[in-house]
């Protein structure tokens, strides 16, 4: 099956980007270098093309009820222009995907917009339709992924960059607030959200206006490579890697995102998660820093000091900010306390490491 292309694929190619497959999309992995792009975001500002993310619109009299029953957070707490991070779980409380849910303005054609991860758009569209029909709810669900481009402007100077590019004032938005604003004559949905640990905004604009909006920002273009190193330094989950519904099933308590679970609401998987909370978990998501030389990578074994395998690295990198090797993974709760010595098998060699609380950047 051919890879899907973001609207600016050729534009990025002309800029000299290199590409990688991600979630069925042909996406820029770097423009100049991962380190240069990473540090631009930490020190100033950079822009990412994240048009591989999905967009699902939900509208109708029962839209709120449908969203409430299919996500773990409490959508009834959202006013127009608010958003929230949430999990989508199955009947056993296992995470299928994580998402951001937006409550759209009252004059919008849709009531809610939620953002599945790359490769999950059609799956979530079908899931929402299936449960709508099963529960006999009055709601319309539309997969709008092919209608929009999505960008992330991130870094300590992001507010200045977005403020200069928009006709309306967006810099007063608080974290997880959003509004419509105009960029280079194009109406965009702009949210103060991001995936880097820095201040930032995410912009959704019509697919056909993608180049106009992208070119309105004169800052470092960044690929998925630096996006990954930035989010790893923060300890943020990557769907399909730090949890995988089929290959590495995890619930929100194991994944340390219990703040997204509101057990006083009714949603698919609620009863299983109530039991998980009461019983506790056997394994939990942790960060670690290698003491010995080497770089941890996804799939490497984590062992105790007796070389008994106790877990698996889900994400790992050489931190461009810290210039040290860091990683994420699941270990038994007995090994989860910061300072606990573990070992990681790096290319067949056992490397000493220590459990560390996340984010790795303690000023974030």
Protein backbone atom coordinates (compact mmCIF):
# COMPACT_ATOMS: atom_id res chain seq x y z
CA UNK A 1 0.00 0.00 0.00
CA UNK A 2 1.52 3.37 -1.00
CA UNK A 3 2.41 5.82 1.73
CA UNK A 4 0.13 8.78 2.28
CA UNK A 5 1.75 12.15 1.66
CA UNK A 6 1.27 15.33 3.69
CA UNK A 7 0.24 18.35 1.60
CA UNK A 8 3.75 19.84 1.74
CA UNK A 9 5.68 16.68 0.89
CA UNK A 10 7.20 18.22 -2.26
CA UNK A 11 7.76 21.55 -0.50
CA UNK A 12 9.76 19.79 2.22
CA UNK A 13 11.69 17.82 -0.39
CA UNK A 14 12.77 21.05 -2.08
CA UNK A 15 13.97 22.31 1.32
CA UNK A 16 16.24 19.27 1.57
CA UNK A 17 14.32 17.18 4.08
CA UNK A 18 14.90 13.47 4.44
CA UNK A 19 11.84 11.30 4.93
CA UNK A 20 10.66 8.28 6.89
CA UNK A 21 7.55 6.13 7.03
CA UNK A 22 5.46 6.82 10.10
CA UNK A 23 1.94 5.54 10.66
CA UNK A 24 1.49 4.96 6.95
CA UNK A 25 2.67 8.48 6.03
CA UNK A 26 5.80 9.69 4.23
CA UNK A 27 6.98 12.32 6.70
CA UNK A 28 10.08 14.53 7.04
CA UNK A 29 12.39 13.08 9.69
CA UNK A 30 14.91 15.93 9.54
CA UNK A 31 15.66 19.07 7.55
CA UNK A 32 19.16 19.99 8.75
CA UNK A 33 20.03 17.74 11.68
CA UNK A 34 18.06 16.28 14.55
CA UNK A 35 20.33 17.97 17.09
CA UNK A 36 20.13 21.38 15.45
CA UNK A 37 16.35 21.20 15.19
CA UNK A 38 16.01 19.90 18.76
CA UNK A 39 18.11 22.70 20.22
CA UNK A 40 16.27 25.32 18.16
CA UNK A 41 13.07 24.29 19.92
CA UNK A 42 14.69 24.23 23.35
CA UNK A 43 16.43 27.60 22.83
CA UNK A 44 14.15 29.57 20.50
CA UNK A 45 11.46 28.22 18.15
CA UNK A 46 10.86 25.62 15.46
CA UNK A 47 7.95 24.47 13.30
CA UNK A 48 6.88 20.86 12.72
CA UNK A 49 4.62 19.47 10.02
CA UNK A 50 2.38 17.02 11.91
CA UNK A 51 -0.22 16.60 9.18
CA UNK A 52 -0.03 12.84 9.69
CA UNK A 53 -2.16 13.27 12.81
CA UNK A 54 -5.84 12.51 12.36
CA UNK A 55 -8.82 14.84 12.74
CA UNK A 56 -12.25 13.45 13.61
CA UNK A 57 -15.24 15.81 13.89
CA UNK A 58 -18.26 14.86 16.01
CA UNK A 59 -21.53 16.77 15.98
CA UNK A 60 -25.21 16.40 16.82
CA UNK A 61 -27.50 16.28 19.88
CA UNK A 62 -25.70 13.29 21.40
CA UNK A 63 -22.13 14.31 20.49
CA UNK A 64 -21.18 15.04 24.09
CA UNK A 65 -22.55 11.72 25.32
CA UNK A 66 -20.69 9.81 22.62
CA UNK A 67 -17.40 11.57 23.38
CA UNK A 68 -17.91 11.02 27.11
CA UNK A 69 -18.45 7.30 26.70
CA UNK A 70 -15.51 6.71 24.36
CA UNK A 71 -12.78 8.73 26.12
CA UNK A 72 -11.55 8.42 29.70
CA UNK A 73 -11.51 12.09 30.66
CA UNK A 74 -14.58 14.24 31.45
CA UNK A 75 -15.62 16.12 28.32
CA UNK A 76 -18.51 17.77 30.16
CA UNK A 77 -15.90 20.00 31.82
CA UNK A 78 -14.93 21.51 28.46
CA UNK A 79 -16.23 24.93 27.51
CA UNK A 80 -15.99 26.24 23.94
CA UNK A 81 -12.31 26.65 23.11
CA UNK A 82 -11.11 24.21 25.79
CA UNK A 83 -9.27 20.96 25.18
CA UNK A 84 -8.10 17.99 27.22
CA UNK A 85 -5.70 15.08 26.93
CA UNK A 86 -7.47 11.73 27.14
CA UNK A 87 -7.16 8.00 26.54
CA UNK A 88 -9.26 5.77 24.32
CA UNK A 89 -9.54 2.36 25.98
CA UNK A 90 -11.11 -0.99 25.23
CA UNK A 91 -13.45 -2.95 27.50
CA UNK A 92 -10.46 -4.25 29.49
CA UNK A 93 -9.14 -0.75 30.12
CA UNK A 94 -6.24 -1.19 27.69
CA UNK A 95 -5.15 1.93 25.84
CA UNK A 96 -5.99 1.84 22.13
CA UNK A 97 -4.76 5.38 21.51
CA UNK A 98 -4.26 8.70 23.26
CA UNK A 99 -5.83 11.88 21.96
CA UNK A 100 -6.56 15.55 22.48
CA UNK A 101 -10.26 16.49 22.49
CA UNK A 102 -11.33 20.03 21.53
CA UNK A 103 -14.71 21.60 22.34
CA UNK A 104 -15.43 23.78 19.33
CA UNK A 105 -17.21 27.16 19.40
CA UNK A 106 -21.01 27.09 19.37
CA UNK A 107 -21.19 28.57 15.86
CA UNK A 108 -18.98 25.82 14.41
CA UNK A 109 -20.53 23.13 12.24
CA UNK A 110 -19.18 20.47 14.62
CA UNK A 111 -19.29 20.22 18.40
CA UNK A 112 -16.03 18.35 19.00
CA UNK A 113 -12.77 17.70 17.25
CA UNK A 114 -10.42 15.00 18.46
CA UNK A 115 -6.95 14.09 17.23
CA UNK A 116 -6.04 10.40 16.85
CA UNK A 117 -2.44 9.49 16.22
CA UNK A 118 -1.07 8.71 12.77
CA UNK A 119 -2.59 5.58 11.34
CA UNK A 120 -5.53 5.57 13.77
CA UNK A 121 -7.89 7.96 12.01
CA UNK A 122 -9.96 5.43 10.11
CA UNK A 123 -9.96 3.06 13.09
CA UNK A 124 -11.36 5.73 15.40
CA UNK A 125 -13.87 6.94 12.82
CA UNK A 126 -15.20 3.38 12.52
CA UNK A 127 -15.15 2.89 16.31
CA UNK A 128 -17.17 6.05 16.93
CA UNK A 129 -19.73 5.06 14.28
CA UNK A 130 -20.01 1.51 15.61
CA UNK A 131 -20.70 2.59 19.18
CA UNK A 132 -23.01 5.38 18.05
CA UNK A 133 -25.13 2.80 16.26
CA UNK A 134 -24.89 0.29 19.13
CA UNK A 135 -26.07 2.91 21.63
CA UNK A 136 -28.62 4.44 19.22
CA UNK A 137 -27.20 7.96 19.62
CA UNK A 138 -27.90 10.95 17.39
CA UNK A 139 -24.45 12.08 16.29
CA UNK A 140 -22.51 12.63 13.09
CA UNK A 141 -18.90 11.48 12.82
CA UNK A 142 -16.63 12.68 10.04
CA UNK A 143 -13.04 11.71 9.32
CA UNK A 144 -11.56 15.05 8.27
CA UNK A 145 -7.91 13.94 8.16
CA UNK A 146 -7.61 14.57 4.42
CA UNK A 147 -9.15 18.04 4.77
CA UNK A 148 -6.54 19.59 7.04
CA UNK A 149 -2.86 20.23 7.51
CA UNK A 150 -1.52 20.48 11.04
CA UNK A 151 1.59 22.27 12.28
CA UNK A 152 3.25 22.70 15.67
CA UNK A 153 5.17 25.89 16.46
CA UNK A 154 7.17 25.13 19.59
CA UNK A 155 9.78 26.76 21.80
CA UNK A 156 10.28 29.64 24.24
CA UNK A 157 9.84 32.09 21.35
CA UNK A 158 6.75 30.36 19.94
CA UNK A 159 4.35 32.95 21.33
CA UNK A 160 6.22 35.74 19.56
CA UNK A 161 6.30 33.78 16.29
CA UNK A 162 2.59 32.91 16.37
CA UNK A 163 1.63 36.36 17.64
CA UNK A 164 3.39 38.01 14.71
CA UNK A 165 1.79 35.66 12.19
CA UNK A 166 -1.83 35.97 13.37
CA UNK A 167 -4.22 38.85 12.84
CA UNK A 168 -6.03 38.14 16.11
CA UNK A 169 -4.42 38.01 19.54
CA UNK A 170 -3.71 34.38 20.41
CA UNK A 171 -0.90 34.83 22.90
CA UNK A 172 -3.37 35.30 25.76
CA UNK A 173 -4.54 31.71 25.33
CA UNK A 174 -3.79 29.55 28.35
CA UNK A 175 -2.42 26.04 28.03
CA UNK A 176 -4.99 23.75 26.35
CA UNK A 177 -7.12 26.70 25.19
CA UNK A 178 -7.84 27.24 21.50
CA UNK A 179 -9.52 29.68 19.11
CA UNK A 180 -9.93 30.46 15.44
CA UNK A 181 -7.45 33.01 14.13
CA UNK A 182 -6.19 34.18 10.74
CA UNK A 183 -2.71 33.43 9.43
CA UNK A 184 -1.77 34.99 6.07
CA UNK A 185 -5.45 35.32 5.25
CA UNK A 186 -6.23 31.69 6.19
CA UNK A 187 -8.64 30.80 9.00
CA UNK A 188 -6.88 28.37 11.35
CA UNK A 189 -7.78 26.55 14.55
CA UNK A 190 -4.95 27.45 16.93
CA UNK A 191 -4.39 25.74 20.30
CA UNK A 192 -1.79 26.32 22.98
CA UNK A 193 -0.75 22.69 23.00
CA UNK A 194 2.29 20.68 22.01
CA UNK A 195 4.46 17.60 22.44
CA UNK A 196 7.86 19.06 23.23
CA UNK A 197 7.71 20.32 26.81
CA UNK A 198 8.15 23.90 25.61
CA UNK A 199 5.58 26.61 25.20
CA UNK A 200 3.91 26.25 21.86
CA UNK A 201 0.91 26.22 19.59
CA UNK A 202 -0.63 23.74 17.21
CA UNK A 203 -2.40 25.03 14.10
CA UNK A 204 -4.95 23.24 11.96
CA UNK A 205 -5.62 24.78 8.55
CA UNK A 206 -7.30 23.70 5.31
CA UNK A 207 -5.24 21.24 3.25
CA UNK A 208 -5.27 23.52 0.20
CA UNK A 209 -3.83 26.44 2.22
CA UNK A 210 -1.05 24.39 3.79
CA UNK A 211 1.83 26.11 2.01
CA UNK A 212 0.52 29.61 2.69
CA UNK A 213 0.33 28.99 6.43
CA UNK A 214 3.67 27.14 6.63
CA UNK A 215 5.48 29.95 4.79
CA UNK A 216 4.08 32.53 7.23
CA UNK A 217 6.59 31.26 9.82
CA UNK A 218 10.24 32.16 9.35
CA UNK A 219 11.83 29.74 11.77
CA UNK A 220 13.69 26.43 11.87
CA UNK A 221 11.74 23.61 10.17
CA UNK A 222 11.85 20.45 12.26
CA UNK A 223 11.22 16.81 11.46
CA UNK A 224 9.89 13.85 13.38
CA UNK A 225 13.39 12.95 14.56
CA UNK A 226 13.71 16.00 16.81
CA UNK A 227 10.06 15.71 17.80
CA UNK A 228 10.90 12.27 19.16
CA UNK A 229 13.99 13.36 21.10
CA UNK A 230 12.11 16.34 22.55
CA UNK A 231 9.16 14.27 23.77
CA UNK A 232 11.49 11.55 25.12
CA UNK A 233 13.26 14.12 27.30
CA UNK A 234 9.84 14.93 28.74
CA UNK A 235 8.81 11.31 29.23
CA UNK A 236 5.77 11.72 26.97
CA UNK A 237 4.11 8.58 25.61
CA UNK A 238 4.36 7.68 21.93
CA UNK A 239 1.36 5.73 20.67
CA UNK A 240 2.33 2.38 19.19
CA UNK A 241 5.71 2.44 20.90
CA UNK A 242 5.32 3.28 24.61
CA UNK A 243 2.03 1.45 24.49
CA UNK A 244 0.72 -0.83 21.77
CA UNK A 245 -2.76 -2.27 21.94
CA UNK A 246 -1.73 -5.50 20.23
CA UNK A 247 1.93 -6.03 21.11
CA UNK A 248 2.43 -4.23 24.44
CA UNK A 249 -1.01 -3.69 26.02
CA UNK A 250 -1.01 -1.15 28.86
CA UNK A 251 -3.65 0.57 30.92
CA UNK A 252 -3.44 4.25 31.98
CA UNK A 253 -2.27 3.35 35.49
CA UNK A 254 0.67 1.36 34.16
CA UNK A 255 1.45 4.15 31.66
CA UNK A 256 1.34 6.80 34.42
CA UNK A 257 -1.45 8.82 32.82
CA UNK A 258 -4.05 8.16 35.51
CA UNK A 259 -4.83 11.89 35.56
CA UNK A 260 -6.73 11.31 32.31
CA UNK A 261 -9.07 8.77 33.95
CA UNK A 262 -12.27 10.09 35.54
CA UNK A 263 -13.92 7.10 37.20
CA UNK A 264 -17.02 9.13 38.07
CA UNK A 265 -17.94 9.09 34.37
CA UNK A 266 -19.18 6.19 32.26
CA UNK A 267 -16.84 5.12 29.45
CA UNK A 268 -15.74 1.93 27.74
CA UNK A 269 -13.23 0.26 30.06
CA UNK A 270 -14.27 2.16 33.18
CA UNK A 271 -15.05 -0.90 35.33
CA UNK A 272 -11.76 -2.57 34.43
CA UNK A 273 -9.85 0.59 35.30
CA UNK A 274 -11.63 0.90 38.62
CA UNK A 275 -10.40 -2.61 39.46
CA UNK A 276 -6.90 -1.73 38.26
CA UNK A 277 -6.84 1.29 40.54
CA UNK A 278 -8.03 -0.73 43.53
CA UNK A 279 -5.65 -3.65 42.94
CA UNK A 280 -2.65 -1.61 41.82
CA UNK A 281 -0.32 -2.47 38.96
CA UNK A 282 2.58 -4.88 38.78
CA UNK A 283 4.58 -2.85 36.25
CA UNK A 284 4.90 0.87 35.69
CA UNK A 285 6.33 3.31 33.16
CA UNK A 286 9.70 4.77 34.15
CA UNK A 287 12.54 6.87 32.87
CA UNK A 288 16.16 5.86 33.20
CA UNK A 289 19.58 7.30 32.43
CA UNK A 290 22.49 5.16 31.28
CA UNK A 291 25.64 5.48 33.38
CA UNK A 292 27.80 3.40 31.04
CA UNK A 293 28.48 4.35 27.43
CA UNK A 294 25.81 3.35 24.94
CA UNK A 295 22.41 4.40 23.65
CA UNK A 296 19.22 2.55 24.64
CA UNK A 297 16.82 1.78 21.82
CA UNK A 298 13.27 0.50 21.49
CA UNK A 299 13.12 -3.25 22.15
CA UNK A 300 16.30 -3.58 24.21
CA UNK A 301 16.01 -5.70 27.35
CA UNK A 302 16.04 -4.15 30.82
CA UNK A 303 17.54 -6.41 33.49
CA UNK A 304 18.24 -6.25 37.19
CA UNK A 305 21.79 -6.37 38.52
CA UNK A 306 21.67 -10.19 38.36
CA UNK A 307 21.02 -9.99 34.60
CA UNK A 308 17.44 -11.27 34.94
CA UNK A 309 15.19 -9.62 32.35
CA UNK A 310 12.63 -7.42 34.08
CA UNK A 311 11.40 -5.21 31.26
CA UNK A 312 11.87 -3.72 27.81
CA UNK A 313 12.97 -0.32 26.57
CA UNK A 314 10.08 1.36 24.77
CA UNK A 315 11.92 4.57 23.80
CA UNK A 316 15.53 5.64 24.02
CA UNK A 317 17.90 8.25 22.64
CA UNK A 318 21.02 10.28 23.23
CA UNK A 319 19.51 13.42 24.75
CA UNK A 320 20.62 16.45 22.71
CA UNK A 321 19.95 18.76 25.66
CA UNK A 322 21.74 16.70 28.31
CA UNK A 323 24.28 14.95 26.06
CA UNK A 324 23.47 11.77 27.97
CA UNK A 325 21.70 8.53 27.00
CA UNK A 326 18.15 8.32 28.34
CA UNK A 327 15.28 5.91 27.93
CA UNK A 328 11.74 4.95 28.85
CA UNK A 329 10.18 1.59 29.56
CA UNK A 330 8.17 -0.59 31.93
CA UNK A 331 9.62 -2.33 34.97
CA UNK A 332 8.10 -4.09 38.01
CA UNK A 333 7.03 -1.59 40.65
CA UNK A 334 9.76 -2.92 42.99
CA UNK A 335 12.33 -1.42 40.61
CA UNK A 336 10.52 1.85 39.87
CA UNK A 337 11.91 4.14 42.58
CA UNK A 338 14.27 6.88 41.34
CA UNK A 339 17.89 5.92 42.01
CA UNK A 340 17.30 2.18 41.60
CA UNK A 341 20.15 0.60 39.68
CA UNK A 342 19.17 -1.46 36.65
CA UNK A 343 20.97 -2.64 33.55
CA UNK A 344 20.12 -2.34 29.86
CA UNK A 345 21.32 -4.74 27.19
CA UNK A 346 22.78 -2.53 24.44
CA UNK A 347 23.87 -4.53 21.40
CA UNK A 348 24.42 -7.59 23.54
CA UNK A 349 26.34 -5.81 26.28
CA UNK A 350 25.00 -5.08 29.76
CA UNK A 351 25.09 -1.36 30.58
CA UNK A 352 24.53 0.16 34.02
CA UNK A 353 21.62 2.60 34.37
CA UNK A 354 19.56 4.27 37.06
CA UNK A 355 15.82 4.88 37.28
CA UNK A 356 15.05 8.58 37.07
CA UNK A 357 11.85 10.58 37.41
CA UNK A 358 10.56 12.33 34.30
CA UNK A 359 10.78 14.81 32.79
CA UNK A 360 14.52 14.40 32.53
CA UNK A 361 14.74 18.19 32.21
CA UNK A 362 13.92 19.21 35.75
CA UNK A 363 13.03 22.82 34.87
CA UNK A 364 10.11 21.74 32.69
